[in-house]
Amino acid sequence: MRVDHSQAPEVFATDIESFLSYISLERGLSKNTVAAYRRDLDQAAQFLKRRGVADWRAVSAAQAAEWTYSLTSDRYTATSLARKLTALRMLARHLVREKVRADDFTALLTGPKLARKIPGTLNETEVARLLAAPTGGDPRALRDRALLELFYSSGLRVSELAGLMLQQVDLENNFLRVFGKGSKERVVPIGGRARDALATYLTSGRPHLVKPKTGSQFFLNNRGTALSRVMLWMLVKKYAQRAGLTKNVKPHGLRHSFATHLLTGGADLRAIQEMLGHASISTTQIYTAVEPQRLVDHHAKFHPRNREK
């Protein structure tokens, strides 16, 4: 059984709230990340309280290690375990920075080693089938066609697509202004087909979905409010099934496909990093392992010993 993720005991909660305010307001971390760290730290606090620890000031390195060790029997993924440890480490450093503690009780903790997984992608034929799946001229079909075209054309994160506002879209100059992780702004180009689909949706689709209290959200549901991330997930699944795709297609897969197809087409890795909004080039480099055939082809084409006489 996993530990219940209810609220932390009050003696621990004050420091947790201080830390969460810091990473939200000063570090600019996303609401989803803050919410995940809250659950992780509440879980740690409950565990420590049951072990008789008075508050964060009294936590020892051994007790922190005991909590992380206890998680390995709860069938968490390596990614989840790593995030929980990160949350605890960041809290400990915050407590030292705020002079609540003199030492970092997580300094000697080690976490799970994460394997760099190659993202699942669709090939170009599969993408074409998926994008052609929304048929008809009704408002929802126009919306869904524009949504999928933009998804593949821009490589946006699901949360960025769901939160897209009218003022972020510049169809005249073919780009979006996106505020990604850490509220960092980046400019993302829009391809010609995506631009045309968006323009059609804006003139012939969105006006029919607008309700009296509708704001400036770009993609609207039947109630005139923004599409949720869950709804986006359901739409991608729906059209993948309609397109007859046998792969397990997820919304993030279109982002992976966007990056992979740019790379295999010869795009610069730094440019792809900018468009994806990755803080580090090492995150983007995972796509270099997706299609090794590209490297084989380049070797065959350009290495002097492979050239035909």
Protein backbone atom coordinates (compact mmCIF):
# COMPACT_ATOMS: atom_id res chain seq x y z
CA MET A 1 0.00 0.00 0.00
CA ARG A 2 1.24 3.48 -0.85
CA VAL A 3 1.34 6.18 1.79
CA ASP A 4 -1.71 8.44 1.80
CA HIS A 5 -1.07 11.85 0.20
CA SER A 6 -3.22 13.89 2.58
CA GLN A 7 -2.03 17.15 4.10
CA ALA A 8 1.20 17.27 6.11
CA PRO A 9 1.09 17.63 9.90
CA GLU A 10 0.89 21.31 10.89
CA VAL A 11 4.41 21.45 12.37
CA PHE A 12 5.81 20.47 8.96
CA ALA A 13 3.29 22.35 6.82
CA THR A 14 4.52 25.89 7.52
CA ASP A 15 7.98 25.20 6.11
CA ILE A 16 6.49 23.33 3.15
CA GLU A 17 4.29 26.33 2.31
CA SER A 18 7.28 28.66 2.56
CA PHE A 19 9.26 26.45 0.18
CA LEU A 20 6.39 26.10 -2.30
CA SER A 21 5.89 29.86 -2.35
CA TYR A 22 9.59 30.29 -3.10
CA ILE A 23 9.69 27.87 -6.05
CA SER A 24 6.43 29.25 -7.42
CA LEU A 25 7.05 32.98 -7.10
CA GLU A 26 10.83 33.27 -7.29
CA ARG A 27 11.81 30.21 -9.33
CA GLY A 28 8.71 30.33 -11.54
CA LEU A 29 8.08 26.57 -11.49
CA SER A 30 4.83 25.40 -13.04
CA LYS A 31 1.64 24.77 -11.06
CA ASN A 32 1.86 21.07 -11.90
CA THR A 33 5.41 20.82 -10.53
CA VAL A 34 4.48 22.73 -7.37
CA ALA A 35 1.46 20.46 -6.83
CA ALA A 36 3.61 17.33 -7.30
CA TYR A 37 6.23 18.59 -4.83
CA ARG A 38 3.46 19.40 -2.33
CA ARG A 39 2.21 15.80 -2.50
CA ASP A 40 5.74 14.42 -2.17
CA LEU A 41 6.63 16.57 0.84
CA ASP A 42 3.29 15.94 2.55
CA GLN A 43 4.00 12.23 2.15
CA ALA A 44 7.48 12.61 3.62
CA ALA A 45 6.14 14.67 6.54
CA GLN A 46 3.53 12.05 7.41
CA PHE A 47 6.17 9.32 7.38
CA LEU A 48 8.56 11.33 9.59
CA LYS A 49 5.79 12.29 12.02
CA ARG A 50 4.93 8.60 12.49
CA ARG A 51 8.61 8.01 13.30
CA GLY A 52 8.38 10.56 16.11
CA VAL A 53 10.19 13.40 14.33
CA ALA A 54 9.03 16.75 15.72
CA ASP A 55 9.51 18.92 12.60
CA TRP A 56 11.92 19.57 9.69
CA ARG A 57 14.49 21.00 12.12
CA ALA A 58 14.80 17.62 13.80
CA VAL A 59 15.09 15.41 10.70
CA SER A 60 18.32 13.43 10.51
CA ALA A 61 20.03 12.13 7.38
CA ALA A 62 19.24 8.58 8.48
CA GLN A 63 15.53 9.34 8.86
CA ALA A 64 15.41 10.99 5.42
CA ALA A 65 17.13 7.92 3.95
CA GLU A 66 14.61 5.68 5.73
CA TRP A 67 11.74 7.49 3.97
CA THR A 68 13.32 7.20 0.53
CA TYR A 69 14.09 3.52 1.17
CA SER A 70 10.48 2.88 2.18
CA LEU A 71 9.28 4.13 -1.22
CA THR A 72 11.04 1.36 -3.13
CA SER A 73 8.50 -1.17 -1.86
CA ASP A 74 5.55 0.91 -3.11
CA ARG A 75 6.06 0.21 -6.82
CA TYR A 76 6.85 3.78 -7.80
CA THR A 77 8.63 4.30 -11.10
CA ALA A 78 12.24 5.46 -11.11
CA THR A 79 11.03 8.82 -12.42
CA SER A 80 8.60 9.27 -9.52
CA LEU A 81 11.23 8.26 -6.98
CA ALA A 82 13.70 10.73 -8.47
CA ARG A 83 11.12 13.54 -8.32
CA LYS A 84 10.32 12.80 -4.66
CA LEU A 85 14.00 12.90 -3.78
CA THR A 86 14.41 16.16 -5.71
CA ALA A 87 11.52 17.72 -3.78
CA LEU A 88 13.09 16.72 -0.46
CA ARG A 89 16.55 17.96 -1.50
CA MET A 90 15.20 21.31 -2.66
CA LEU A 91 13.28 21.73 0.60
CA ALA A 92 16.38 20.90 2.66
CA ARG A 93 18.45 23.51 0.77
CA HIS A 94 15.66 26.04 1.22
CA LEU A 95 15.69 25.43 4.98
CA VAL A 96 19.45 26.02 5.06
CA ARG A 97 19.12 29.16 2.92
CA GLU A 98 16.44 30.51 5.25
CA LYS A 99 18.61 29.62 8.29
CA VAL A 100 15.96 27.27 9.62
CA ARG A 101 18.65 24.55 9.68
CA ALA A 102 22.42 24.74 9.71
CA ASP A 103 22.91 21.58 7.63
CA ASP A 104 21.45 19.85 4.57
CA PHE A 105 20.04 16.53 5.82
CA THR A 106 19.78 15.20 2.23
CA ALA A 107 23.43 15.78 1.28
CA LEU A 108 24.33 12.08 1.34
CA LEU A 109 21.12 10.68 -0.16
CA THR A 110 21.32 8.87 -3.49
CA GLY A 111 18.46 8.35 -5.91
CA PRO A 112 17.55 5.89 -8.64
CA LYS A 113 19.52 5.96 -11.85
CA LEU A 114 17.23 7.07 -14.66
CA ALA A 115 17.56 5.48 -18.06
CA ARG A 116 17.38 7.89 -20.97
CA LYS A 117 14.42 6.48 -22.86
CA ILE A 118 13.99 7.15 -26.55
CA PRO A 119 10.63 8.92 -26.95
CA GLY A 120 7.89 7.13 -28.88
CA THR A 121 7.20 8.80 -32.20
CA LEU A 122 5.05 8.45 -35.29
CA ASN A 123 6.58 8.29 -38.74
CA GLU A 124 5.58 10.85 -41.36
CA THR A 125 2.93 8.62 -42.93
CA GLU A 126 1.31 7.95 -39.55
CA VAL A 127 1.31 11.66 -38.72
CA ALA A 128 -0.36 12.44 -42.06
CA ARG A 129 -3.10 9.88 -41.32
CA LEU A 130 -3.65 11.32 -37.86
CA LEU A 131 -3.88 14.91 -39.10
CA ALA A 132 -6.37 13.89 -41.80
CA ALA A 133 -8.64 12.10 -39.30
CA PRO A 134 -10.83 15.11 -38.32
CA THR A 135 -13.21 15.39 -41.28
CA GLY A 136 -16.15 17.66 -42.01
CA GLY A 137 -16.76 21.38 -41.69
CA ASP A 138 -18.53 21.67 -38.34
CA PRO A 139 -16.89 23.85 -35.64
CA ARG A 140 -15.49 20.95 -33.63
CA ALA A 141 -13.94 19.30 -36.69
CA LEU A 142 -12.35 22.62 -37.69
CA ARG A 143 -11.06 23.04 -34.13
CA ASP A 144 -9.64 19.54 -33.94
CA ARG A 145 -7.98 19.79 -37.33
CA ALA A 146 -6.36 23.10 -36.32
CA LEU A 147 -5.37 21.64 -32.95
CA LEU A 148 -3.60 18.61 -34.41
CA GLU A 149 -1.92 20.62 -37.16
CA LEU A 150 -0.60 23.11 -34.62
CA PHE A 151 0.48 20.35 -32.25
CA TYR A 152 2.66 18.74 -34.91
CA SER A 153 3.80 22.02 -36.46
CA SER A 154 4.94 23.62 -33.19
CA GLY A 155 5.93 20.82 -30.81
CA LEU A 156 4.12 22.56 -27.93
CA ARG A 157 3.68 20.86 -24.58
CA VAL A 158 0.13 19.72 -23.83
CA SER A 159 -0.23 22.34 -21.08
CA GLU A 160 1.00 25.07 -23.45
CA LEU A 161 -1.50 24.05 -26.11
CA ALA A 162 -4.38 23.86 -23.62
CA GLY A 163 -3.52 27.28 -22.20
CA LEU A 164 -2.98 29.01 -25.55
CA MET A 165 -4.58 32.48 -25.79
CA LEU A 166 -5.62 34.48 -28.85
CA GLN A 167 -3.02 37.16 -28.21
CA GLN A 168 -0.20 34.61 -28.37
CA VAL A 169 -0.96 33.69 -32.00
CA ASP A 170 0.41 35.85 -34.83
CA LEU A 171 -0.87 34.34 -38.07
CA GLU A 172 0.32 37.30 -40.13
CA ASN A 173 3.93 36.61 -39.18
CA ASN A 174 3.54 32.84 -38.72
CA PHE A 175 4.63 32.40 -35.11
CA LEU A 176 3.42 31.89 -31.53
CA ARG A 177 4.65 33.46 -28.32
CA VAL A 178 4.68 30.70 -25.73
CA PHE A 179 5.24 30.88 -21.99
CA GLY A 180 6.64 27.50 -20.99
CA LYS A 181 8.23 26.03 -17.88
CA GLY A 182 9.43 28.66 -15.46
CA SER A 183 7.28 31.23 -17.32
CA LYS A 184 10.06 31.54 -19.92
CA GLU A 185 8.89 33.10 -23.16
CA ARG A 186 9.90 31.65 -26.51
CA VAL A 187 8.89 32.19 -30.12
CA VAL A 188 7.72 29.14 -32.06
CA PRO A 189 7.19 29.17 -35.86
CA ILE A 190 3.90 28.00 -37.41
CA GLY A 191 3.99 26.00 -40.64
CA GLY A 192 1.84 26.91 -43.64
CA ARG A 193 -0.70 24.10 -43.26
CA ALA A 194 -1.09 24.77 -39.56
CA ARG A 195 -1.52 28.50 -40.23
CA ASP A 196 -4.28 27.81 -42.78
CA ALA A 197 -6.06 25.40 -40.40
CA LEU A 198 -5.86 27.94 -37.57
CA ALA A 199 -7.18 30.74 -39.78
CA THR A 200 -10.14 28.59 -40.88
CA TYR A 201 -10.91 27.66 -37.27
CA LEU A 202 -10.80 31.32 -36.18
CA THR A 203 -13.19 32.48 -38.90
CA SER A 204 -15.55 29.49 -39.27
CA GLY A 205 -15.17 27.38 -36.12
CA ARG A 206 -14.38 29.30 -32.96
CA PRO A 207 -17.19 31.92 -33.33
CA HIS A 208 -19.74 29.08 -33.07
CA LEU A 209 -18.18 27.83 -29.82
CA VAL A 210 -18.09 31.25 -28.10
CA LYS A 211 -20.45 31.73 -25.16
CA PRO A 212 -21.34 34.94 -23.23
CA LYS A 213 -18.58 34.39 -20.65
CA THR A 214 -15.92 33.14 -23.08
CA GLY A 215 -12.50 34.75 -22.61
CA SER A 216 -9.53 34.83 -24.96
CA GLN A 217 -8.74 31.13 -24.80
CA PHE A 218 -7.82 29.92 -28.28
CA PHE A 219 -9.21 26.37 -28.35
CA LEU A 220 -12.74 26.15 -26.90
CA ASN A 221 -14.93 23.28 -25.79
CA ASN A 222 -18.72 23.11 -26.17
CA ARG A 223 -19.16 25.24 -23.02
CA GLY A 224 -17.06 28.06 -24.48
CA THR A 225 -14.16 27.50 -22.08
CA ALA A 226 -10.63 26.27 -22.69
CA LEU A 227 -10.02 22.64 -23.61
CA SER A 228 -8.50 20.77 -20.68
CA ARG A 229 -5.38 18.62 -20.91
CA VAL A 230 -7.55 15.55 -20.35
CA MET A 231 -9.76 16.55 -23.28
CA LEU A 232 -6.70 17.04 -25.48
CA TRP A 233 -5.53 13.56 -24.53
CA MET A 234 -8.95 12.11 -25.39
CA LEU A 235 -9.04 13.89 -28.76
CA VAL A 236 -5.62 12.58 -29.78
CA LYS A 237 -6.66 9.05 -28.78
CA LYS A 238 -9.94 9.39 -30.68
CA TYR A 239 -8.31 10.48 -33.93
CA ALA A 240 -5.48 7.96 -33.63
CA GLN A 241 -8.11 5.25 -33.44
CA ARG A 242 -10.06 6.76 -36.34
CA ALA A 243 -6.85 6.89 -38.40
CA GLY A 244 -6.30 3.18 -37.75
CA LEU A 245 -2.99 3.65 -35.96
CA THR A 246 -1.91 0.60 -33.98
CA LYS A 247 0.68 2.43 -31.88
CA ASN A 248 -0.19 3.74 -28.42
CA VAL A 249 -0.45 7.37 -29.52
CA LYS A 250 -0.17 9.96 -26.74
CA PRO A 251 -0.34 13.75 -27.03
CA HIS A 252 3.32 14.10 -26.09
CA GLY A 253 4.11 11.76 -28.97
CA LEU A 254 3.30 14.54 -31.43
CA ARG A 255 5.87 16.76 -29.70
CA HIS A 256 8.41 13.95 -29.99
CA SER A 257 7.50 13.42 -33.66
CA PHE A 258 7.91 17.15 -34.33
CA ALA A 259 11.44 17.14 -32.90
CA THR A 260 12.46 13.85 -34.50
CA HIS A 261 11.28 14.82 -37.98
CA LEU A 262 13.03 18.18 -37.77
CA LEU A 263 16.26 16.48 -36.75
CA THR A 264 16.11 13.81 -39.44
CA GLY A 265 15.34 16.56 -41.95
CA GLY A 266 18.63 18.26 -41.06
CA ALA A 267 17.54 20.93 -38.56
CA ASP A 268 20.13 22.25 -36.11
CA LEU A 269 19.87 20.76 -32.63
CA ARG A 270 20.14 24.19 -31.01
CA ALA A 271 17.19 25.46 -33.06
CA ILE A 272 15.12 22.44 -32.01
CA GLN A 273 16.09 23.11 -28.39
CA GLU A 274 14.78 26.67 -28.69
CA MET A 275 11.51 25.61 -30.29
CA LEU A 276 10.90 22.92 -27.66
CA GLY A 277 11.78 25.25 -24.81
CA HIS A 278 14.38 22.92 -23.29
CA ALA A 279 16.58 24.63 -20.72
CA SER A 280 19.49 22.29 -21.48
CA ILE A 281 20.77 20.95 -24.80
CA SER A 282 21.29 17.58 -23.09
CA THR A 283 17.51 17.17 -22.89
CA THR A 284 17.18 17.76 -26.62
CA GLN A 285 20.05 15.40 -27.44
CA ILE A 286 17.87 12.40 -26.62
CA TYR A 287 16.36 12.82 -30.09
CA THR A 288 19.72 12.08 -31.71
CA ALA A 289 19.21 8.43 -30.73
CA VAL A 290 15.75 8.11 -32.25
CA GLU A 291 16.72 7.35 -35.85
CA PRO A 292 20.29 6.05 -36.09
CA GLN A 293 19.67 5.30 -39.76
CA ARG A 294 20.14 9.02 -40.40
CA LEU A 295 23.71 8.77 -39.11
CA VAL A 296 24.33 5.68 -41.22
CA ASP A 297 23.06 7.50 -44.32
CA HIS A 298 25.22 10.54 -43.61
CA HIS A 299 28.28 8.34 -43.14
CA ALA A 300 27.59 6.54 -46.40
CA LYS A 301 27.08 9.82 -48.23
CA PHE A 302 29.91 11.94 -46.87
CA HIS A 303 32.76 9.68 -45.71
CA PRO A 304 35.47 9.68 -48.41
CA ARG A 305 35.96 5.91 -48.32
CA ASN A 306 32.27 5.41 -49.11
CA ARG A 307 32.17 7.62 -52.18
CA GLU A 308 31.85 5.90 -55.50
CA LYS A 309 34.73 6.35 -57.87
